[in-house]
Structure formats: structure tokens, C-alpha cells
C-alpha atoms as a PDB file:
ATOM      1  CA  MET A   1      23.356  37.916 -38.053  1.00  0.00           C
ATOM      2  CA  GLU A   2      21.410  39.231 -35.051  1.00  0.00           C
ATOM      3  CA  ASP A   3      24.604  39.117 -33.004  1.00  0.00           C
ATOM      4  CA  ILE A   4      26.297  41.506 -35.460  1.00  0.00           C
ATOM      5  CA  PHE A   5      23.520  44.066 -35.105  1.00  0.00           C
ATOM      6  CA  GLU A   6      23.391  43.673 -31.337  1.00  0.00           C
ATOM      7  CA  THR A   7      27.131  44.312 -31.290  1.00  0.00           C
ATOM      8  CA  LEU A   8      26.702  47.410 -33.450  1.00  0.00           C
ATOM      9  CA  ALA A   9      24.013  48.731 -31.106  1.00  0.00           C
ATOM     10  CA  GLY A  10      26.324  48.134 -28.147  1.00  0.00           C
ATOM     11  CA  LEU A  11      29.209  49.971 -29.827  1.00  0.00           C
ATOM     12  CA  GLN A  12      26.919  52.895 -30.640  1.00  0.00           C
ATOM     13  CA  LYS A  13      25.719  53.041 -27.053  1.00  0.00           C
ATOM     14  CA  ILE A  14      29.216  53.295 -25.593  1.00  0.00           C
ATOM     15  CA  GLY A  15      30.368  55.709 -28.298  1.00  0.00           C
ATOM     16  CA  LYS A  16      32.964  53.470 -29.960  1.00  0.00           C
ATOM     17  CA  PRO A  17      33.608  54.231 -33.669  1.00  0.00           C
ATOM     18  CA  ALA A  18      33.342  51.298 -36.075  1.00  0.00           C
ATOM     19  CA  ALA A  19      32.384  50.380 -39.627  1.00  0.00           C
ATOM     20  CA  ILE A  20      30.289  47.592 -41.072  1.00  0.00           C
ATOM     21  CA  ALA A  21      31.294  45.846 -44.298  1.00  0.00           C
ATOM     22  CA  ILE A  22      28.636  43.904 -46.226  1.00  0.00           C
ATOM     23  CA  VAL A  23      29.174  41.761 -49.318  1.00  0.00           C
ATOM     24  CA  ILE A  24      26.479  43.017 -51.703  1.00  0.00           C
ATOM     25  CA  ARG A  25      27.382  41.215 -54.939  1.00  0.00           C
ATOM     26  CA  THR A  26      29.606  38.348 -56.019  1.00  0.00           C
ATOM     27  CA  GLU A  27      30.603  36.692 -59.256  1.00  0.00           C
ATOM     28  CA  GLY A  28      32.497  33.447 -59.740  1.00  0.00           C
ATOM     29  CA  SER A  29      34.461  31.710 -57.007  1.00  0.00           C
ATOM     30  CA  VAL A  30      34.558  33.755 -53.769  1.00  0.00           C
ATOM     31  CA  PRO A  31      35.056  32.918 -50.059  1.00  0.00           C
ATOM     32  CA  ARG A  32      31.736  34.436 -48.869  1.00  0.00           C
ATOM     33  CA  LYS A  33      28.461  35.091 -50.642  1.00  0.00           C
ATOM     34  CA  ALA A  34      26.289  38.223 -50.718  1.00  0.00           C
ATOM     35  CA  GLY A  35      25.024  39.128 -47.265  1.00  0.00           C
ATOM     36  CA  ALA A  36      28.223  38.262 -45.374  1.00  0.00           C
ATOM     37  CA  LYS A  37      28.977  40.937 -42.774  1.00  0.00           C
ATOM     38  CA  MET A  38      31.937  42.072 -40.730  1.00  0.00           C
ATOM     39  CA  ILE A  39      32.438  44.828 -38.161  1.00  0.00           C
ATOM     40  CA  ILE A  40      35.725  46.725 -38.188  1.00  0.00           C
ATOM     41  CA  LEU A  41      36.731  48.646 -35.058  1.00  0.00           C
ATOM     42  CA  LYS A  42      38.847  51.792 -35.161  1.00  0.00           C
ATOM     43  CA  ASP A  43      41.889  49.879 -33.876  1.00  0.00           C
ATOM     44  CA  GLY A  44      41.636  47.421 -36.790  1.00  0.00           C
ATOM     45  CA  LYS A  45      40.133  44.543 -34.829  1.00  0.00           C
ATOM     46  CA  ILE A  46      37.238  42.724 -36.477  1.00  0.00           C
ATOM     47  CA  ILE A  47      34.040  40.958 -35.485  1.00  0.00           C
ATOM     48  CA  GLY A  48      32.867  38.422 -38.053  1.00  0.00           C
ATOM     49  CA  THR A  49      34.690  37.625 -41.280  1.00  0.00           C
ATOM     50  CA  LEU A  50      34.506  38.059 -45.032  1.00  0.00           C
ATOM     51  CA  GLY A  51      36.655  35.010 -45.610  1.00  0.00           C
ATOM     52  CA  GLY A  52      40.107  36.080 -44.473  1.00  0.00           C
ATOM     53  CA  GLY A  53      43.173  36.527 -46.646  1.00  0.00           C
ATOM     54  CA  GLY A  54      44.027  39.485 -48.841  1.00  0.00           C
ATOM     55  CA  LEU A  55      40.390  40.448 -49.417  1.00  0.00           C
ATOM     56  CA  GLU A  56      39.672  40.820 -45.728  1.00  0.00           C
ATOM     57  CA  ASN A  57      42.867  42.793 -45.114  1.00  0.00           C
ATOM     58  CA  LYS A  58      42.001  45.188 -47.930  1.00  0.00           C
ATOM     59  CA  VAL A  59      38.438  45.640 -46.642  1.00  0.00           C
ATOM     60  CA  ILE A  60      39.808  46.436 -43.173  1.00  0.00           C
ATOM     61  CA  GLN A  61      42.099  49.119 -44.624  1.00  0.00           C
ATOM     62  CA  GLU A  62      39.286  50.741 -46.588  1.00  0.00           C
ATOM     63  CA  ALA A  63      36.841  50.485 -43.696  1.00  0.00           C
ATOM     64  CA  LEU A  64      39.285  52.356 -41.459  1.00  0.00           C
ATOM     65  CA  GLU A  65      39.394  55.087 -44.105  1.00  0.00           C
ATOM     66  CA  THR A  66      35.587  55.324 -44.067  1.00  0.00           C
ATOM     67  CA  ILE A  67      35.687  55.781 -40.283  1.00  0.00           C
ATOM     68  CA  GLU A  68      38.263  58.547 -40.674  1.00  0.00           C
ATOM     69  CA  GLN A  69      36.359  60.290 -43.482  1.00  0.00           C
ATOM     70  CA  GLY A  70      32.872  59.614 -42.133  1.00  0.00           C
ATOM     71  CA  LYS A  71      31.570  58.572 -45.566  1.00  0.00           C
ATOM     72  CA  PRO A  72      30.327  55.196 -46.882  1.00  0.00           C
ATOM     73  CA  ARG A  73      31.761  53.603 -49.993  1.00  0.00           C
ATOM     74  CA  ILE A  74      31.307  50.638 -52.334  1.00  0.00           C
ATOM     75  CA  THR A  75      34.436  48.894 -53.593  1.00  0.00           C
ATOM     76  CA  SER A  76      34.843  46.001 -56.025  1.00  0.00           C
ATOM     77  CA  PHE A  77      37.651  43.464 -55.530  1.00  0.00           C
ATOM     78  CA  THR A  78      38.998  40.930 -58.043  1.00  0.00           C
ATOM     79  CA  LEU A  79      40.367  37.860 -56.261  1.00  0.00           C
ATOM     80  CA  ASP A  80      43.262  37.251 -58.599  1.00  0.00           C
ATOM     81  CA  MET A  81      46.987  37.911 -58.031  1.00  0.00           C
ATOM     82  CA  GLU A  82      47.510  39.406 -61.486  1.00  0.00           C
ATOM     83  CA  LYS A  83      44.198  41.127 -62.205  1.00  0.00           C
ATOM     84  CA  GLY A  84      43.225  42.303 -58.747  1.00  0.00           C
ATOM     85  CA  LYS A  85      46.582  42.657 -56.991  1.00  0.00           C
ATOM     86  CA  LEU A  86      45.343  40.505 -54.120  1.00  0.00           C
ATOM     87  CA  ASP A  87      47.293  37.439 -53.028  1.00  0.00           C
ATOM     88  CA  MET A  88      44.326  35.189 -53.802  1.00  0.00           C
ATOM     89  CA  MET A  89      43.517  32.717 -56.559  1.00  0.00           C
ATOM     90  CA  CYS A  90      39.740  32.321 -56.222  1.00  0.00           C
ATOM     91  CA  GLY A  91      39.291  34.204 -59.477  1.00  0.00           C
ATOM     92  CA  GLY A  92      35.911  35.740 -58.680  1.00  0.00           C
ATOM     93  CA  THR A  93      34.862  39.287 -57.899  1.00  0.00           C
ATOM     94  CA  VAL A  94      33.330  40.706 -54.742  1.00  0.00           C
ATOM     95  CA  GLU A  95      31.531  44.011 -54.228  1.00  0.00           C
ATOM     96  CA  VAL A  96      31.545  45.309 -50.657  1.00  0.00           C
ATOM     97  CA  TYR A  97      29.546  48.126 -49.106  1.00  0.00           C
ATOM     98  CA  MET A  98      31.292  49.822 -46.157  1.00  0.00           C
ATOM     99  CA  GLU A  99      29.589  52.279 -43.838  1.00  0.00           C
ATOM    100  CA  PRO A 100      31.094  54.141 -40.870  1.00  0.00           C
ATOM    101  CA  LEU A 101      29.156  53.933 -37.617  1.00  0.00           C
ATOM    102  CA  LEU A 102      30.253  56.931 -35.622  1.00  0.00           C
ATOM    103  CA  PRO A 103      29.160  57.851 -32.093  1.00  0.00           C
ATOM    104  CA  SER A 104      26.146  60.121 -31.820  1.00  0.00           C
ATOM    105  CA  GLU A 105      27.105  63.714 -31.199  1.00  0.00           C
ATOM    106  CA  ARG A 106      26.589  64.739 -27.601  1.00  0.00           C
ATOM    107  CA  LEU A 107      25.688  68.139 -26.202  1.00  0.00           C
ATOM    108  CA  ILE A 108      26.281  68.857 -22.518  1.00  0.00           C
ATOM    109  CA  ILE A 109      24.671  71.990 -21.120  1.00  0.00           C
ATOM    110  CA  PHE A 110      25.800  73.341 -17.766  1.00  0.00           C
ATOM    111  CA  GLY A 111      22.937  75.248 -16.183  1.00  0.00           C
ATOM    112  CA  ALA A 112      19.209  74.528 -16.371  1.00  0.00           C
ATOM    113  CA  GLY A 113      17.794  78.024 -16.773  1.00  0.00           C
ATOM    114  CA  HIS A 114      15.442  79.525 -19.350  1.00  0.00           C
ATOM    115  CA  ILE A 115      17.834  79.287 -22.317  1.00  0.00           C
ATOM    116  CA  THR A 116      18.553  75.622 -21.589  1.00  0.00           C
ATOM    117  CA  ARG A 117      14.827  74.849 -21.378  1.00  0.00           C
ATOM    118  CA  ALA A 118      14.514  76.120 -24.959  1.00  0.00           C
ATOM    119  CA  LEU A 119      17.838  74.743 -26.268  1.00  0.00           C
ATOM    120  CA  ALA A 120      17.826  71.184 -24.876  1.00  0.00           C
ATOM    121  CA  PRO A 121      14.638  69.879 -26.575  1.00  0.00           C
ATOM    122  CA  MET A 122      15.574  71.666 -29.795  1.00  0.00           C
ATOM    123  CA  MET A 123      18.956  69.914 -29.982  1.00  0.00           C
ATOM    124  CA  LYS A 124      17.444  66.556 -29.063  1.00  0.00           C
ATOM    125  CA  LYS A 125      15.016  66.807 -31.978  1.00  0.00           C
ATOM    126  CA  ILE A 126      17.875  67.272 -34.451  1.00  0.00           C
ATOM    127  CA  GLY A 127      19.732  64.182 -33.273  1.00  0.00           C
ATOM    128  CA  PHE A 128      22.030  65.173 -30.424  1.00  0.00           C
ATOM    129  CA  LEU A 129      22.322  63.202 -27.216  1.00  0.00           C
ATOM    130  CA  VAL A 130      21.632  65.984 -24.727  1.00  0.00           C
ATOM    131  CA  SER A 131      22.685  66.104 -21.073  1.00  0.00           C
ATOM    132  CA  VAL A 132      21.743  68.897 -18.689  1.00  0.00           C
ATOM    133  CA  VAL A 133      23.781  69.478 -15.527  1.00  0.00           C
ATOM    134  CA  ASP A 134      22.842  71.739 -12.610  1.00  0.00           C
ATOM    135  CA  ASP A 135      23.375  71.775  -8.850  1.00  0.00           C
ATOM    136  CA  SER A 136      19.973  73.304  -8.028  1.00  0.00           C
ATOM    137  CA  PRO A 137      16.854  71.105  -7.675  1.00  0.00           C
ATOM    138  CA  ASP A 138      14.754  74.252  -8.167  1.00  0.00           C
ATOM    139  CA  PHE A 139      16.116  74.655 -11.692  1.00  0.00           C
ATOM    140  CA  LEU A 140      16.610  71.015 -12.689  1.00  0.00           C
ATOM    141  CA  GLN A 141      12.988  69.934 -12.406  1.00  0.00           C
ATOM    142  CA  LYS A 142      11.502  67.256 -14.648  1.00  0.00           C
ATOM    143  CA  GLU A 143       8.528  69.482 -15.443  1.00  0.00           C
ATOM    144  CA  TYR A 144      10.907  71.901 -17.170  1.00  0.00           C
ATOM    145  CA  PHE A 145      12.447  69.065 -19.243  1.00  0.00           C
ATOM    146  CA  PRO A 146       9.580  66.599 -19.826  1.00  0.00           C
ATOM    147  CA  ASP A 147      11.239  64.886 -22.797  1.00  0.00           C
ATOM    148  CA  MET A 148      14.784  64.776 -21.418  1.00  0.00           C
ATOM    149  CA  GLU A 149      16.195  61.638 -19.819  1.00  0.00           C
ATOM    150  CA  ASP A 150      19.787  62.631 -19.067  1.00  0.00           C
ATOM    151  CA  LEU A 151      19.441  65.160 -16.248  1.00  0.00           C
ATOM    152  CA  HIS A 152      22.252  65.431 -13.685  1.00  0.00           C
ATOM    153  CA  LEU A 153      21.625  67.071 -10.314  1.00  0.00           C
ATOM    154  CA  GLU A 154      25.301  67.354  -9.432  1.00  0.00           C
ATOM    155  CA  ASP A 155      28.081  69.777  -8.641  1.00  0.00           C
ATOM    156  CA  MET A 156      28.855  71.271 -12.054  1.00  0.00           C
ATOM    157  CA  GLU A 157      32.586  71.692 -11.495  1.00  0.00           C
ATOM    158  CA  ALA A 158      32.921  68.048 -10.399  1.00  0.00           C
ATOM    159  CA  PHE A 159      30.883  66.854 -13.394  1.00  0.00           C
ATOM    160  CA  ALA A 160      33.080  68.860 -15.776  1.00  0.00           C
ATOM    161  CA  GLY A 161      36.171  67.458 -14.092  1.00  0.00           C
ATOM    162  CA  GLY A 162      34.941  63.907 -14.655  1.00  0.00           C
ATOM    163  CA  LEU A 163      34.345  64.322 -18.387  1.00  0.00           C
ATOM    164  CA  SER A 164      36.663  62.706 -20.904  1.00  0.00           C
ATOM    165  CA  SER A 165      37.765  64.530 -24.027  1.00  0.00           C
ATOM    166  CA  GLY A 166      35.646  63.814 -27.096  1.00  0.00           C
ATOM    167  CA  SER A 167      35.705  64.971 -30.710  1.00  0.00           C
ATOM    168  CA  ASN A 168      31.948  64.318 -30.918  1.00  0.00           C
ATOM    169  CA  MET A 169      31.149  66.346 -27.803  1.00  0.00           C
ATOM    170  CA  TYR A 170      29.787  69.894 -27.706  1.00  0.00           C
ATOM    171  CA  ILE A 171      29.661  71.913 -24.472  1.00  0.00           C
ATOM    172  CA  VAL A 172      27.575  74.972 -23.623  1.00  0.00           C
ATOM    173  CA  VAL A 173      28.069  76.789 -20.314  1.00  0.00           C
ATOM    174  CA  LEU A 174      24.928  78.612 -19.184  1.00  0.00           C
ATOM    175  CA  SER A 175      25.189  78.492 -15.410  1.00  0.00           C
ATOM    176  CA  ARG A 176      23.951  81.120 -12.949  1.00  0.00           C
ATOM    177  CA  GLY A 177      27.009  83.202 -12.232  1.00  0.00           C
ATOM    178  CA  PHE A 178      30.609  84.177 -12.820  1.00  0.00           C
ATOM    179  CA  SER A 179      32.101  81.863 -10.164  1.00  0.00           C
ATOM    180  CA  ARG A 180      30.265  78.756 -11.379  1.00  0.00           C
ATOM    181  CA  ASP A 181      31.130  79.471 -15.018  1.00  0.00           C
ATOM    182  CA  LYS A 182      34.783  79.986 -14.146  1.00  0.00           C
ATOM    183  CA  ALA A 183      34.977  76.756 -12.104  1.00  0.00           C
ATOM    184  CA  VAL A 184      33.365  74.742 -14.915  1.00  0.00           C
ATOM    185  CA  LEU A 185      35.480  76.351 -17.623  1.00  0.00           C
ATOM    186  CA  ASN A 186      38.640  75.744 -15.605  1.00  0.00           C
ATOM    187  CA  GLN A 187      37.943  72.009 -15.874  1.00  0.00           C
ATOM    188  CA  LEU A 188      36.799  72.018 -19.504  1.00  0.00           C
ATOM    189  CA  LEU A 189      39.809  73.897 -20.889  1.00  0.00           C
ATOM    190  CA  LYS A 190      42.129  71.132 -19.686  1.00  0.00           C
ATOM    191  CA  LYS A 191      40.524  68.758 -22.218  1.00  0.00           C
ATOM    192  CA  GLU A 192      39.625  68.639 -25.901  1.00  0.00           C
ATOM    193  CA  PHE A 193      36.081  68.968 -27.231  1.00  0.00           C
ATOM    194  CA  ARG A 194      34.554  69.781 -30.609  1.00  0.00           C
ATOM    195  CA  TYR A 195      33.057  72.984 -29.242  1.00  0.00           C
ATOM    196  CA  ILE A 196      32.881  74.927 -25.996  1.00  0.00           C
ATOM    197  CA  GLY A 197      30.513  77.888 -25.877  1.00  0.00           C
ATOM    198  CA  MET A 198      29.880  80.172 -22.920  1.00  0.00           C
ATOM    199  CA  ILE A 199      27.333  82.917 -22.459  1.00  0.00           C
ATOM    200  CA  GLY A 200      28.466  86.303 -21.173  1.00  0.00           C
ATOM    201  CA  SER A 201      29.398  89.882 -21.907  1.00  0.00           C
ATOM    202  CA  GLN A 202      32.789  90.796 -23.309  1.00  0.00           C
ATOM    203  CA  ARG A 203      33.752  92.291 -19.956  1.00  0.00           C
ATOM    204  CA  LYS A 204      32.848  89.082 -18.109  1.00  0.00           C
ATOM    205  CA  ILE A 205      34.768  86.961 -20.583  1.00  0.00           C
ATOM    206  CA  GLU A 206      37.917  89.079 -20.462  1.00  0.00           C
ATOM    207  CA  SER A 207      37.885  89.130 -16.663  1.00  0.00           C
ATOM    208  CA  MET A 208      37.354  85.370 -16.477  1.00  0.00           C
ATOM    209  CA  LEU A 209      40.179  84.616 -18.879  1.00  0.00           C
ATOM    210  CA  ARG A 210      42.567  86.818 -16.902  1.00  0.00           C
ATOM    211  CA  GLU A 211      41.704  84.989 -13.685  1.00  0.00           C
ATOM    212  CA  LEU A 212      42.004  81.550 -15.267  1.00  0.00           C
ATOM    213  CA  GLN A 213      45.430  82.441 -16.659  1.00  0.00           C
ATOM    214  CA  LYS A 214      46.522  83.383 -13.152  1.00  0.00           C
ATOM    215  CA  GLU A 215      45.344  79.933 -12.037  1.00  0.00           C
ATOM    216  CA  GLY A 216      47.557  78.231 -14.606  1.00  0.00           C
ATOM    217  CA  ILE A 217      45.406  77.783 -17.713  1.00  0.00           C
ATOM    218  CA  PRO A 218      47.683  78.597 -20.700  1.00  0.00           C
ATOM    219  CA  LYS A 219      46.557  81.346 -23.055  1.00  0.00           C
ATOM    220  CA  GLU A 220      46.420  79.009 -26.062  1.00  0.00           C
ATOM    221  CA  ALA A 221      43.800  76.851 -24.309  1.00  0.00           C
ATOM    222  CA  PHE A 222      41.272  79.673 -24.698  1.00  0.00           C
ATOM    223  CA  SER A 223      41.336  79.339 -28.492  1.00  0.00           C
ATOM    224  CA  VAL A 224      38.789  76.507 -28.233  1.00  0.00           C
ATOM    225  CA  LEU A 225      36.285  78.745 -26.437  1.00  0.00           C
ATOM    226  CA  LYS A 226      33.465  80.473 -28.341  1.00  0.00           C
ATOM    227  CA  SER A 227      32.192  83.330 -26.231  1.00  0.00           C
ATOM    228  CA  PRO A 228      29.875  85.137 -26.465  1.00  0.00           C
ATOM    229  CA  VAL A 229      28.135  81.923 -27.478  1.00  0.00           C
ATOM    230  CA  GLY A 230      25.856  81.732 -30.531  1.00  0.00           C
ATOM    231  CA  LEU A 231      25.553  83.348 -33.935  1.00  0.00           C
ATOM    232  CA  ASP A 232      25.118  87.126 -33.984  1.00  0.00           C
ATOM    233  CA  ILE A 233      21.441  87.352 -34.967  1.00  0.00           C
ATOM    234  CA  GLY A 234      20.470  90.079 -32.521  1.00  0.00           C
ATOM    235  CA  ALA A 235      18.932  87.529 -30.152  1.00  0.00           C
ATOM    236  CA  GLU A 236      17.366  88.838 -26.946  1.00  0.00           C
ATOM    237  CA  THR A 237      14.823  86.369 -25.546  1.00  0.00           C
ATOM    238  CA  PRO A 238      15.832  82.927 -24.184  1.00  0.00           C
ATOM    239  CA  GLU A 239      14.231  81.295 -27.207  1.00  0.00           C
ATOM    240  CA  GLU A 240      16.094  83.539 -29.639  1.00  0.00           C
ATOM    241  CA  ILE A 241      19.400  82.936 -27.854  1.00  0.00           C
ATOM    242  CA  ALA A 242      18.736  79.174 -27.962  1.00  0.00           C
ATOM    243  CA  ILE A 243      18.199  79.413 -31.729  1.00  0.00           C
ATOM    244  CA  SER A 244      21.469  81.345 -32.138  1.00  0.00           C
ATOM    245  CA  ILE A 245      23.369  78.680 -30.168  1.00  0.00           C
ATOM    246  CA  ALA A 246      21.717  75.831 -32.074  1.00  0.00           C
ATOM    247  CA  GLY A 247      22.565  77.508 -35.371  1.00  0.00           C
ATOM    248  CA  GLU A 248      26.204  77.937 -34.404  1.00  0.00           C
ATOM    249  CA  ILE A 249      26.549  74.301 -33.303  1.00  0.00           C
ATOM    250  CA  LEU A 250      24.898  73.045 -36.496  1.00  0.00           C
ATOM    251  CA  ALA A 251      27.143  75.244 -38.644  1.00  0.00           C
ATOM    252  CA  ILE A 252      30.222  73.814 -36.909  1.00  0.00           C
ATOM    253  CA  ARG A 253      28.858  70.277 -37.173  1.00  0.00           C
ATOM    254  CA  LYS A 254      28.433  70.667 -40.946  1.00  0.00           C
ATOM    255  CA  GLY A 255      31.720  72.486 -41.503  1.00  0.00           C
ATOM    256  CA  LYS A 256      30.045  75.768 -42.453  1.00  0.00           C
ATOM    257  CA  HIS A 257      31.376  77.827 -39.574  1.00  0.00           C
ATOM    258  CA  ALA A 258      34.654  77.883 -37.685  1.00  0.00           C
ATOM    259  CA  PHE A 259      36.264  79.824 -34.889  1.00  0.00           C
ATOM    260  CA  ALA A 260      39.816  80.240 -33.617  1.00  0.00           C
ATOM    261  CA  GLY A 261      39.915  76.820 -31.996  1.00  0.00           C
ATOM    262  CA  GLN A 262      39.164  74.888 -35.165  1.00  0.00           C
END
């Protein structure tokens, strides 16, 4: 069974949703005993087997539902055409535990200034995969991010342009100026993410949105943008602003807070 768990680790690493189904109890005649495992991918393909036939097909269907809902479940199956409505004649019963294995949520922060230095380690501690992107070696120094591995000294607009859409991906734009923010946002608004937040005054935001519309970004695309970023807690210092951003992201993650784009 080591191969199954190695496969699961590999799927988690590349961000591919899946579910694992484990036989946890059996009674009577059944194709596989307790401990049998199978991985179900989001496209319905499987790795391993629970014995094939109607049981396996039903487990695949329910496992796909667990991936969609993000919640584990335990289901009992009777392997009898009349009693269990499965096209099987084994006669026994099987109890299967199914658990979704969803990609870790990822936070990408554009800009490596004071707020990011407070926000990045905070979000890492609560389970996010955190990436920090900046084009300045003076800002993106390892001493400022001693516990961060995913640091990108790159052109921020190009990095944003190379991102793929992701429902598990949160973006915060905290770069050093209007032009950089606008270039990054221009790329981000062409894709779909769980959350895009940008720091800035109302005047800055309104001006930026007008300019981006002139450059061809449709008005409806701005509905996914949360700006000014963060919960309104009267934050002033970089640390307080980082807390307000973290709180907003967590509220969205847990379904306790929404904005126009959701």
C-alpha cells in the first residue's frame, strides 16, 4: 500500500484533486476485505481497486461527490441485486470510508515590503502554501523571509501572466506603486481565482479601474477584486494591515465573508 500513499503525496504536490476510498468493515462474501484502498481522480479514473463491478462504480460516484463537497463520508453497500440495488450476487456487506484530498490553498503575494513580511509567515502558519514575488533584490531578501521557501525574484507582470486560474488560489497585490499594481492586475483579471485583494486608496482604485477598462478589461471582471484589501478594523501599522488581510482571507475560506465577486 506504500505506492497508494506515494501516489497521494504526488497528487497533493501537483495540486490535483482526488479522493481515497478505504474498506473499513465487511460482512459475509465480499470481493475485497477491510483495508483495501482505491484512489479516485476528479475525472473518474481510478488507481487501485475495490473489486470492480457495481460496488466499485458506486464508490466512484460517491467519491466524486465528496471531492465536489469537500467532506468525507462513510457509506454501507449490500452486494445483492434485490436488497442493495447493485448488480452483484456476493451477498455480503461492505462499509467504505471516502475522504476528499484537495489541493492545499495557495497564497501569492506580489510585493515584498513591510506588510508582506508580516503577512507571509502568518499565512504559512495557518496552512497556506505561500509564494512571494518581487522584482527587487533589495526587498526580496532571505533575511526578511527566513522561513519562506517559495520566493520569486522575477518581473511581477510576467509572473502574473504565467499563472493559471485556480479555485484554491488567493492573490494579494502589495507592490510598490500604481504602475506595477496596474500591470499585475491587468494580467490577473483575465483569469479566475478564489480571491484577489489589492491595497490602495479609493482614489487609486477608481483611477486604476478606469485605465484598465480603456485597455480592454471588461467592467464585470472587476467584481472579483477586493480593494481596499482586508477587513475594516482600523488597521494602520504593517502588522495590523497584515492581520486584517489574513482575517478577510480566512473568512472567505470558511464561507463567513463574501464580496461582489463571490
